[in-house]
Amino acid sequence: MALIPAVAARNRFLAIQSAFERAGATEASSAKPLQEIGLEEDSVLRSMADRGLVREASPGRWYLDRDAAAEWLASRRRLAVLIAFLAMLVGAAMWFLQHRGH
C-alpha cells in the first residue's frame, strides 16, 4: 500500500506548489512568509525545501523554484513510466514462461 502515501504526498506537493503560485511567490524577489502564502511547515514542505523545490530567499521568506519543481515532476513521471514498463515486461515474461510448453 505504498502507493497511497505516494499519491497523498504528490497531492500535497501540488497543493503547496499552487499556494506559492497563487501568492506570487515564484522568485527570490517575491518571496513571502509561509503564513502569507497560506501554508504551515510540514514534512512535505520540508522535503520540498531539502530538494530545492522551495527556497528560503531570506530568513522566513520563501518562494517556489518553478524550474526545479517542473524538473522534479518530470523525473517522477519518467520514473512512473519506467516502473510501468518494467511491470509489463515482468508480466509478459511470466506469461511466456507459463505458456511456453503448451
C-alpha atoms as a PDB file:
ATOM      1  CA  MET A   1       0.000   0.000   0.000  1.00  0.00           C
ATOM      2  CA  ALA A   2       2.961   2.332  -0.543  1.00  0.00           C
ATOM      3  CA  LEU A   3       1.018   3.891  -3.406  1.00  0.00           C
ATOM      4  CA  ILE A   4      -1.464   5.655  -1.112  1.00  0.00           C
ATOM      5  CA  PRO A   5       1.157   7.714   0.796  1.00  0.00           C
ATOM      6  CA  ALA A   6       2.909   8.496  -2.516  1.00  0.00           C
ATOM      7  CA  VAL A   7      -0.338   9.798  -4.003  1.00  0.00           C
ATOM      8  CA  ALA A   8      -1.068  11.810  -0.859  1.00  0.00           C
ATOM      9  CA  ALA A   9       2.437  13.324  -0.920  1.00  0.00           C
ATOM     10  CA  ARG A  10       2.081  14.196  -4.618  1.00  0.00           C
ATOM     11  CA  ASN A  11      -1.297  15.839  -3.962  1.00  0.00           C
ATOM     12  CA  ARG A  12       0.214  17.799  -1.068  1.00  0.00           C
ATOM     13  CA  PHE A  13       3.122  18.824  -3.325  1.00  0.00           C
ATOM     14  CA  LEU A  14       0.672  20.115  -5.944  1.00  0.00           C
ATOM     15  CA  ALA A  15      -1.313  21.992  -3.285  1.00  0.00           C
ATOM     16  CA  ILE A  16       1.866  23.631  -1.958  1.00  0.00           C
ATOM     17  CA  GLN A  17       3.000  24.497  -5.484  1.00  0.00           C
ATOM     18  CA  SER A  18      -0.393  26.040  -6.213  1.00  0.00           C
ATOM     19  CA  ALA A  19      -0.325  28.080  -2.978  1.00  0.00           C
ATOM     20  CA  PHE A  20       3.065  29.570  -3.887  1.00  0.00           C
ATOM     21  CA  GLU A  21       1.848  30.393  -7.397  1.00  0.00           C
ATOM     22  CA  ARG A  22      -1.405  31.977  -6.152  1.00  0.00           C
ATOM     23  CA  ALA A  23       0.605  34.098  -3.707  1.00  0.00           C
ATOM     24  CA  GLY A  24       3.002  35.133  -6.484  1.00  0.00           C
ATOM     25  CA  ALA A  25       5.986  33.763  -4.546  1.00  0.00           C
ATOM     26  CA  THR A  26       7.821  32.257  -7.518  1.00  0.00           C
ATOM     27  CA  GLU A  27      11.074  34.227  -7.470  1.00  0.00           C
ATOM     28  CA  ALA A  28      13.516  35.242  -4.769  1.00  0.00           C
ATOM     29  CA  SER A  29      12.434  38.867  -5.190  1.00  0.00           C
ATOM     30  CA  SER A  30       8.791  37.947  -4.490  1.00  0.00           C
ATOM     31  CA  ALA A  31       9.439  35.556  -1.575  1.00  0.00           C
ATOM     32  CA  LYS A  32       6.881  35.691   1.234  1.00  0.00           C
ATOM     33  CA  PRO A  33       6.392  34.294   4.730  1.00  0.00           C
ATOM     34  CA  LEU A  34       4.637  30.915   4.775  1.00  0.00           C
ATOM     35  CA  GLN A  35       1.727  32.411   6.717  1.00  0.00           C
ATOM     36  CA  GLU A  36       1.149  34.952   3.919  1.00  0.00           C
ATOM     37  CA  ILE A  37       1.235  32.132   1.368  1.00  0.00           C
ATOM     38  CA  GLY A  38      -1.331  30.269   3.469  1.00  0.00           C
ATOM     39  CA  LEU A  39       0.956  27.417   4.456  1.00  0.00           C
ATOM     40  CA  GLU A  40       2.392  25.904   7.584  1.00  0.00           C
ATOM     41  CA  GLU A  41       5.633  23.989   7.652  1.00  0.00           C
ATOM     42  CA  ASP A  42       5.070  20.250   7.376  1.00  0.00           C
ATOM     43  CA  SER A  43       7.034  17.195   6.271  1.00  0.00           C
ATOM     44  CA  VAL A  44       6.180  17.649   2.573  1.00  0.00           C
ATOM     45  CA  LEU A  45       7.216  21.310   2.615  1.00  0.00           C
ATOM     46  CA  ARG A  46      10.465  20.407   4.411  1.00  0.00           C
ATOM     47  CA  SER A  47      11.086  17.690   1.840  1.00  0.00           C
ATOM     48  CA  MET A  48      10.481  20.187  -0.967  1.00  0.00           C
ATOM     49  CA  ALA A  49      12.956  22.570   0.665  1.00  0.00           C
ATOM     50  CA  ASP A  50      15.529  19.781   1.033  1.00  0.00           C
ATOM     51  CA  ARG A  51      15.196  19.097  -2.706  1.00  0.00           C
ATOM     52  CA  GLY A  52      15.496  22.786  -3.581  1.00  0.00           C
ATOM     53  CA  LEU A  53      11.937  22.996  -4.917  1.00  0.00           C
ATOM     54  CA  VAL A  54      11.075  25.756  -2.472  1.00  0.00           C
ATOM     55  CA  ARG A  55      13.784  28.064  -1.260  1.00  0.00           C
ATOM     56  CA  GLU A  56      14.243  30.486   1.578  1.00  0.00           C
ATOM     57  CA  ALA A  57      15.304  33.772  -0.031  1.00  0.00           C
ATOM     58  CA  SER A  58      15.882  35.405   3.349  1.00  0.00           C
ATOM     59  CA  PRO A  59      15.034  34.267   6.873  1.00  0.00           C
ATOM     60  CA  GLY A  60      11.344  33.337   6.944  1.00  0.00           C
ATOM     61  CA  ARG A  61      10.640  34.373   3.317  1.00  0.00           C
ATOM     62  CA  TRP A  62      10.048  31.516   0.877  1.00  0.00           C
ATOM     63  CA  TYR A  63       9.467  31.074  -2.850  1.00  0.00           C
ATOM     64  CA  LEU A  64       8.813  28.249  -5.296  1.00  0.00           C
ATOM     65  CA  ASP A  65      11.654  27.476  -7.709  1.00  0.00           C
ATOM     66  CA  ARG A  66       9.456  26.757 -10.742  1.00  0.00           C
ATOM     67  CA  ASP A  67      12.270  25.235 -12.818  1.00  0.00           C
ATOM     68  CA  ALA A  68      13.310  22.838 -10.055  1.00  0.00           C
ATOM     69  CA  ALA A  69       9.673  21.905  -9.369  1.00  0.00           C
ATOM     70  CA  ALA A  70       8.987  21.233 -13.059  1.00  0.00           C
ATOM     71  CA  GLU A  71      12.118  19.085 -13.357  1.00  0.00           C
ATOM     72  CA  TRP A  72      11.184  17.131 -10.226  1.00  0.00           C
ATOM     73  CA  LEU A  73       7.683  16.431 -11.559  1.00  0.00           C
ATOM     74  CA  ALA A  74       9.133  15.372 -14.925  1.00  0.00           C
ATOM     75  CA  SER A  75      11.558  12.995 -13.201  1.00  0.00           C
ATOM     76  CA  ARG A  76       8.691  11.483 -11.197  1.00  0.00           C
ATOM     77  CA  ARG A  77       6.724  10.951 -14.418  1.00  0.00           C
ATOM     78  CA  ARG A  78       9.725   9.292 -16.074  1.00  0.00           C
ATOM     79  CA  LEU A  79      10.118   7.009 -13.055  1.00  0.00           C
ATOM     80  CA  ALA A  80       6.423   6.079 -13.164  1.00  0.00           C
ATOM     81  CA  VAL A  81       6.679   5.219 -16.868  1.00  0.00           C
ATOM     82  CA  LEU A  82       9.790   3.120 -16.223  1.00  0.00           C
ATOM     83  CA  ILE A  83       8.107   1.225 -13.387  1.00  0.00           C
ATOM     84  CA  ALA A  84       5.012   0.590 -15.536  1.00  0.00           C
ATOM     85  CA  PHE A  85       7.192  -0.670 -18.396  1.00  0.00           C
ATOM     86  CA  LEU A  86       9.134  -2.986 -16.086  1.00  0.00           C
ATOM     87  CA  ALA A  87       5.899  -4.331 -14.602  1.00  0.00           C
ATOM     88  CA  MET A  88       4.585  -5.075 -18.095  1.00  0.00           C
ATOM     89  CA  LEU A  89       7.879  -6.731 -19.011  1.00  0.00           C
ATOM     90  CA  VAL A  90       7.777  -8.944 -15.913  1.00  0.00           C
ATOM     91  CA  GLY A  91       4.141  -9.805 -16.623  1.00  0.00           C
ATOM     92  CA  ALA A  92       4.955 -10.718 -20.236  1.00  0.00           C
ATOM     93  CA  ALA A  93       7.893 -12.859 -19.109  1.00  0.00           C
ATOM     94  CA  MET A  94       5.712 -14.673 -16.576  1.00  0.00           C
ATOM     95  CA  TRP A  95       3.015 -15.296 -19.195  1.00  0.00           C
ATOM     96  CA  PHE A  96       5.617 -16.585 -21.642  1.00  0.00           C
ATOM     97  CA  LEU A  97       7.136 -18.919 -19.056  1.00  0.00           C
ATOM     98  CA  GLN A  98       3.724 -20.305 -18.132  1.00  0.00           C
ATOM     99  CA  HIS A  99       2.679 -20.897 -21.757  1.00  0.00           C
ATOM    100  CA  ARG A 100       5.900 -21.982 -23.451  1.00  0.00           C
ATOM    101  CA  GLY A 101       5.229 -25.702 -23.177  1.00  0.00           C
ATOM    102  CA  HIS A 102       1.583 -25.630 -24.314  1.00  0.00           C
END
